[in-house]
Amino acid sequence: MTRLLHLDRTLDELDGPAWPPPPSPTTALVTKVHALRRTRLGELTPADLRTLTGQGVGLPYVLPLAVRLLVEDPMLDAYFYPGDLLLAVLTSSDDTWALFPDLREELTAAVADLTEEDRAELRACGPAGWWT
């Protein structure tokens, strides 16, 4: 994965322009996403990656980090349940995946090794996609 560069930089720096402060009043999710854009990529947790991926924010930088974790542990419990990061990543748009054919291949290989029980758990939590 050659895209794992700039871990000492933030999405605001890499995926500009920088976002202004969140509007007020706002939701906790909006506040969180704004804060995550100002967090160094190398400091993002699996839960942070799940949030950003689920919101479609900074995908050129976030997806490689998420896939790196998922290749090692596809059913990683990032925040809500086992496989939640995987499901957030897998449900990214086809247009997004077209930008990352190599990452899609790596993830497809990891998903191919899932047990039927793991696949059933993913189907119960979200829509089926190219990975089923």
C-alpha atoms as a PDB file:
ATOM      1  CA  MET A   1       0.000   0.000   0.000  1.00  0.00           C
ATOM      2  CA  THR A   2       1.960   2.911  -1.276  1.00  0.00           C
ATOM      3  CA  ARG A   3      -0.702   5.474  -0.388  1.00  0.00           C
ATOM      4  CA  LEU A   4       0.158   5.460   3.319  1.00  0.00           C
ATOM      5  CA  LEU A   5       2.057   8.709   3.112  1.00  0.00           C
ATOM      6  CA  HIS A   6       1.598  11.905   5.024  1.00  0.00           C
ATOM      7  CA  LEU A   7       0.587  10.242   8.288  1.00  0.00           C
ATOM      8  CA  ASP A   8       1.822  13.352  10.080  1.00  0.00           C
ATOM      9  CA  ARG A   9      -0.616  15.583   8.170  1.00  0.00           C
ATOM     10  CA  THR A  10      -4.347  16.205   8.489  1.00  0.00           C
ATOM     11  CA  LEU A  11      -7.216  15.942   6.039  1.00  0.00           C
ATOM     12  CA  ASP A  12      -7.582  19.708   6.196  1.00  0.00           C
ATOM     13  CA  GLU A  13      -3.992  19.951   4.935  1.00  0.00           C
ATOM     14  CA  LEU A  14      -4.210  17.188   2.343  1.00  0.00           C
ATOM     15  CA  ASP A  15      -7.817  17.327   1.204  1.00  0.00           C
ATOM     16  CA  GLY A  16      -8.279  21.074   1.133  1.00  0.00           C
ATOM     17  CA  PRO A  17      -9.516  23.542   1.387  1.00  0.00           C
ATOM     18  CA  ALA A  18      -9.580  23.430   5.171  1.00  0.00           C
ATOM     19  CA  TRP A  19     -13.056  23.286   6.591  1.00  0.00           C
ATOM     20  CA  PRO A  20     -14.287  26.213   8.678  1.00  0.00           C
ATOM     21  CA  PRO A  21     -15.442  25.566  12.233  1.00  0.00           C
ATOM     22  CA  PRO A  22     -18.717  23.639  12.370  1.00  0.00           C
ATOM     23  CA  PRO A  23     -21.906  25.681  12.373  1.00  0.00           C
ATOM     24  CA  SER A  24     -23.682  26.311  15.617  1.00  0.00           C
ATOM     25  CA  PRO A  25     -25.888  24.692  16.656  1.00  0.00           C
ATOM     26  CA  THR A  26     -24.931  21.384  15.110  1.00  0.00           C
ATOM     27  CA  THR A  27     -24.929  17.664  15.790  1.00  0.00           C
ATOM     28  CA  ALA A  28     -22.286  15.675  17.612  1.00  0.00           C
ATOM     29  CA  LEU A  29     -21.490  13.870  14.357  1.00  0.00           C
ATOM     30  CA  VAL A  30     -20.786  17.102  12.480  1.00  0.00           C
ATOM     31  CA  THR A  31     -18.607  18.324  15.332  1.00  0.00           C
ATOM     32  CA  LYS A  32     -16.735  15.002  15.366  1.00  0.00           C
ATOM     33  CA  VAL A  33     -16.106  14.961  11.599  1.00  0.00           C
ATOM     34  CA  HIS A  34     -14.812  18.540  11.684  1.00  0.00           C
ATOM     35  CA  ALA A  35     -12.450  17.615  14.525  1.00  0.00           C
ATOM     36  CA  LEU A  36     -11.251  14.496  12.703  1.00  0.00           C
ATOM     37  CA  ARG A  37     -10.306  16.568   9.671  1.00  0.00           C
ATOM     38  CA  ARG A  38      -7.851  18.388  11.962  1.00  0.00           C
ATOM     39  CA  THR A  39      -6.382  15.149  13.394  1.00  0.00           C
ATOM     40  CA  ARG A  40      -3.150  13.735  11.986  1.00  0.00           C
ATOM     41  CA  LEU A  41      -3.858  10.695   9.823  1.00  0.00           C
ATOM     42  CA  GLY A  42      -1.487   8.573  11.871  1.00  0.00           C
ATOM     43  CA  GLU A  43      -3.522   9.312  15.005  1.00  0.00           C
ATOM     44  CA  LEU A  44      -6.892   8.245  13.609  1.00  0.00           C
ATOM     45  CA  THR A  45      -8.391   5.260  15.423  1.00  0.00           C
ATOM     46  CA  PRO A  46     -10.451   2.519  13.775  1.00  0.00           C
ATOM     47  CA  ALA A  47     -13.574   4.275  15.090  1.00  0.00           C
ATOM     48  CA  ASP A  48     -12.398   7.534  13.513  1.00  0.00           C
ATOM     49  CA  LEU A  49     -11.790   5.783  10.198  1.00  0.00           C
ATOM     50  CA  ARG A  50     -15.262   4.280  10.391  1.00  0.00           C
ATOM     51  CA  THR A  51     -16.816   7.690  11.004  1.00  0.00           C
ATOM     52  CA  LEU A  52     -14.943   9.367   8.160  1.00  0.00           C
ATOM     53  CA  THR A  53     -15.573   6.511   5.736  1.00  0.00           C
ATOM     54  CA  GLY A  54     -19.236   6.350   6.636  1.00  0.00           C
ATOM     55  CA  GLN A  55     -19.534  10.064   5.946  1.00  0.00           C
ATOM     56  CA  GLY A  56     -17.507   9.861   2.728  1.00  0.00           C
ATOM     57  CA  VAL A  57     -14.917  12.322   4.017  1.00  0.00           C
ATOM     58  CA  GLY A  58     -11.301  12.250   2.837  1.00  0.00           C
ATOM     59  CA  LEU A  59     -11.660   8.849   1.176  1.00  0.00           C
ATOM     60  CA  PRO A  60      -8.462   9.071  -0.903  1.00  0.00           C
ATOM     61  CA  TYR A  61      -6.562   9.214   2.396  1.00  0.00           C
ATOM     62  CA  VAL A  62      -8.871   7.295   4.728  1.00  0.00           C
ATOM     63  CA  LEU A  63      -9.613   4.197   2.640  1.00  0.00           C
ATOM     64  CA  PRO A  64      -5.968   3.070   2.426  1.00  0.00           C
ATOM     65  CA  LEU A  65      -5.676   3.317   6.212  1.00  0.00           C
ATOM     66  CA  ALA A  66      -8.897   1.396   6.742  1.00  0.00           C
ATOM     67  CA  VAL A  67      -8.014  -1.312   4.222  1.00  0.00           C
ATOM     68  CA  ARG A  68      -4.625  -1.769   5.890  1.00  0.00           C
ATOM     69  CA  LEU A  69      -6.426  -2.616   9.148  1.00  0.00           C
ATOM     70  CA  LEU A  70      -9.078  -4.739   7.466  1.00  0.00           C
ATOM     71  CA  VAL A  71      -6.622  -6.916   5.584  1.00  0.00           C
ATOM     72  CA  GLU A  72      -5.247  -7.920   8.996  1.00  0.00           C
ATOM     73  CA  ASP A  73      -8.636  -8.216  10.748  1.00  0.00           C
ATOM     74  CA  PRO A  74     -11.679  -7.935   8.457  1.00  0.00           C
ATOM     75  CA  MET A  75     -14.178  -8.258  11.306  1.00  0.00           C
ATOM     76  CA  LEU A  76     -12.498  -5.564  13.403  1.00  0.00           C
ATOM     77  CA  ASP A  77     -14.919  -4.007  15.872  1.00  0.00           C
ATOM     78  CA  ALA A  78     -14.178  -0.322  15.350  1.00  0.00           C
ATOM     79  CA  TYR A  79     -16.991   1.072  17.433  1.00  0.00           C
ATOM     80  CA  PHE A  80     -20.433  -0.522  17.153  1.00  0.00           C
ATOM     81  CA  TYR A  81     -20.050  -4.224  16.323  1.00  0.00           C
ATOM     82  CA  PRO A  82     -17.625  -6.700  14.728  1.00  0.00           C
ATOM     83  CA  GLY A  83     -17.243  -5.809  11.058  1.00  0.00           C
ATOM     84  CA  ASP A  84     -18.546  -2.240  11.350  1.00  0.00           C
ATOM     85  CA  LEU A  85     -15.461  -0.720   9.733  1.00  0.00           C
ATOM     86  CA  LEU A  86     -15.554  -3.340   6.995  1.00  0.00           C
ATOM     87  CA  LEU A  87     -19.204  -2.624   6.265  1.00  0.00           C
ATOM     88  CA  ALA A  88     -18.565   1.133   6.126  1.00  0.00           C
ATOM     89  CA  VAL A  89     -15.700   0.574   3.706  1.00  0.00           C
ATOM     90  CA  LEU A  90     -17.539  -1.986   1.580  1.00  0.00           C
ATOM     91  CA  THR A  91     -20.526   0.274   1.102  1.00  0.00           C
ATOM     92  CA  SER A  92     -18.427   3.062  -0.389  1.00  0.00           C
ATOM     93  CA  SER A  93     -19.659   3.975  -3.845  1.00  0.00           C
ATOM     94  CA  ASP A  94     -18.523   2.192  -6.991  1.00  0.00           C
ATOM     95  CA  ASP A  95     -17.158   5.547  -8.167  1.00  0.00           C
ATOM     96  CA  THR A  96     -14.910   5.658  -5.114  1.00  0.00           C
ATOM     97  CA  TRP A  97     -13.694   2.098  -5.612  1.00  0.00           C
ATOM     98  CA  ALA A  98     -12.918   2.852  -9.268  1.00  0.00           C
ATOM     99  CA  LEU A  99     -10.173   5.129  -7.932  1.00  0.00           C
ATOM    100  CA  PHE A 100      -8.674   2.263  -5.912  1.00  0.00           C
ATOM    101  CA  PRO A 101      -8.690  -0.979  -7.919  1.00  0.00           C
ATOM    102  CA  ASP A 102      -5.669  -2.303  -6.010  1.00  0.00           C
ATOM    103  CA  LEU A 103      -7.289  -1.658  -2.626  1.00  0.00           C
ATOM    104  CA  ARG A 104     -10.499  -3.262  -3.834  1.00  0.00           C
ATOM    105  CA  GLU A 105      -8.517  -6.350  -4.864  1.00  0.00           C
ATOM    106  CA  GLU A 106      -6.834  -6.581  -1.459  1.00  0.00           C
ATOM    107  CA  LEU A 107     -10.126  -6.165   0.333  1.00  0.00           C
ATOM    108  CA  THR A 108     -11.859  -8.666  -1.944  1.00  0.00           C
ATOM    109  CA  ALA A 109      -9.217 -11.231  -1.022  1.00  0.00           C
ATOM    110  CA  ALA A 110      -9.720 -10.552   2.689  1.00  0.00           C
ATOM    111  CA  VAL A 111     -13.501 -10.800   2.342  1.00  0.00           C
ATOM    112  CA  ALA A 112     -13.172 -14.068   0.409  1.00  0.00           C
ATOM    113  CA  ASP A 113     -11.635 -15.605   3.530  1.00  0.00           C
ATOM    114  CA  LEU A 114     -14.568 -14.664   5.777  1.00  0.00           C
ATOM    115  CA  THR A 115     -16.578 -17.469   7.276  1.00  0.00           C
ATOM    116  CA  GLU A 116     -20.217 -17.834   6.281  1.00  0.00           C
ATOM    117  CA  GLU A 117     -21.086 -16.793   9.839  1.00  0.00           C
ATOM    118  CA  ASP A 118     -19.160 -13.519   9.396  1.00  0.00           C
ATOM    119  CA  ARG A 119     -20.824 -12.906   6.019  1.00  0.00           C
ATOM    120  CA  ALA A 120     -24.249 -13.487   7.548  1.00  0.00           C
ATOM    121  CA  GLU A 121     -23.426 -11.017  10.321  1.00  0.00           C
ATOM    122  CA  LEU A 122     -22.457  -8.382   7.739  1.00  0.00           C
ATOM    123  CA  ARG A 123     -25.619  -8.990   5.699  1.00  0.00           C
ATOM    124  CA  ALA A 124     -27.701  -8.584   8.860  1.00  0.00           C
ATOM    125  CA  CYS A 125     -26.106  -5.207   9.558  1.00  0.00           C
ATOM    126  CA  GLY A 126     -26.150  -3.650   6.120  1.00  0.00           C
ATOM    127  CA  PRO A 127     -26.958  -3.941   2.448  1.00  0.00           C
ATOM    128  CA  ALA A 128     -25.388  -6.563   0.226  1.00  0.00           C
ATOM    129  CA  GLY A 129     -22.889  -5.304  -2.299  1.00  0.00           C
ATOM    130  CA  TRP A 130     -20.136  -6.337  -4.663  1.00  0.00           C
ATOM    131  CA  TRP A 131     -18.463  -8.226  -1.841  1.00  0.00           C
ATOM    132  CA  THR A 132     -21.240 -10.764  -1.136  1.00  0.00           C
END
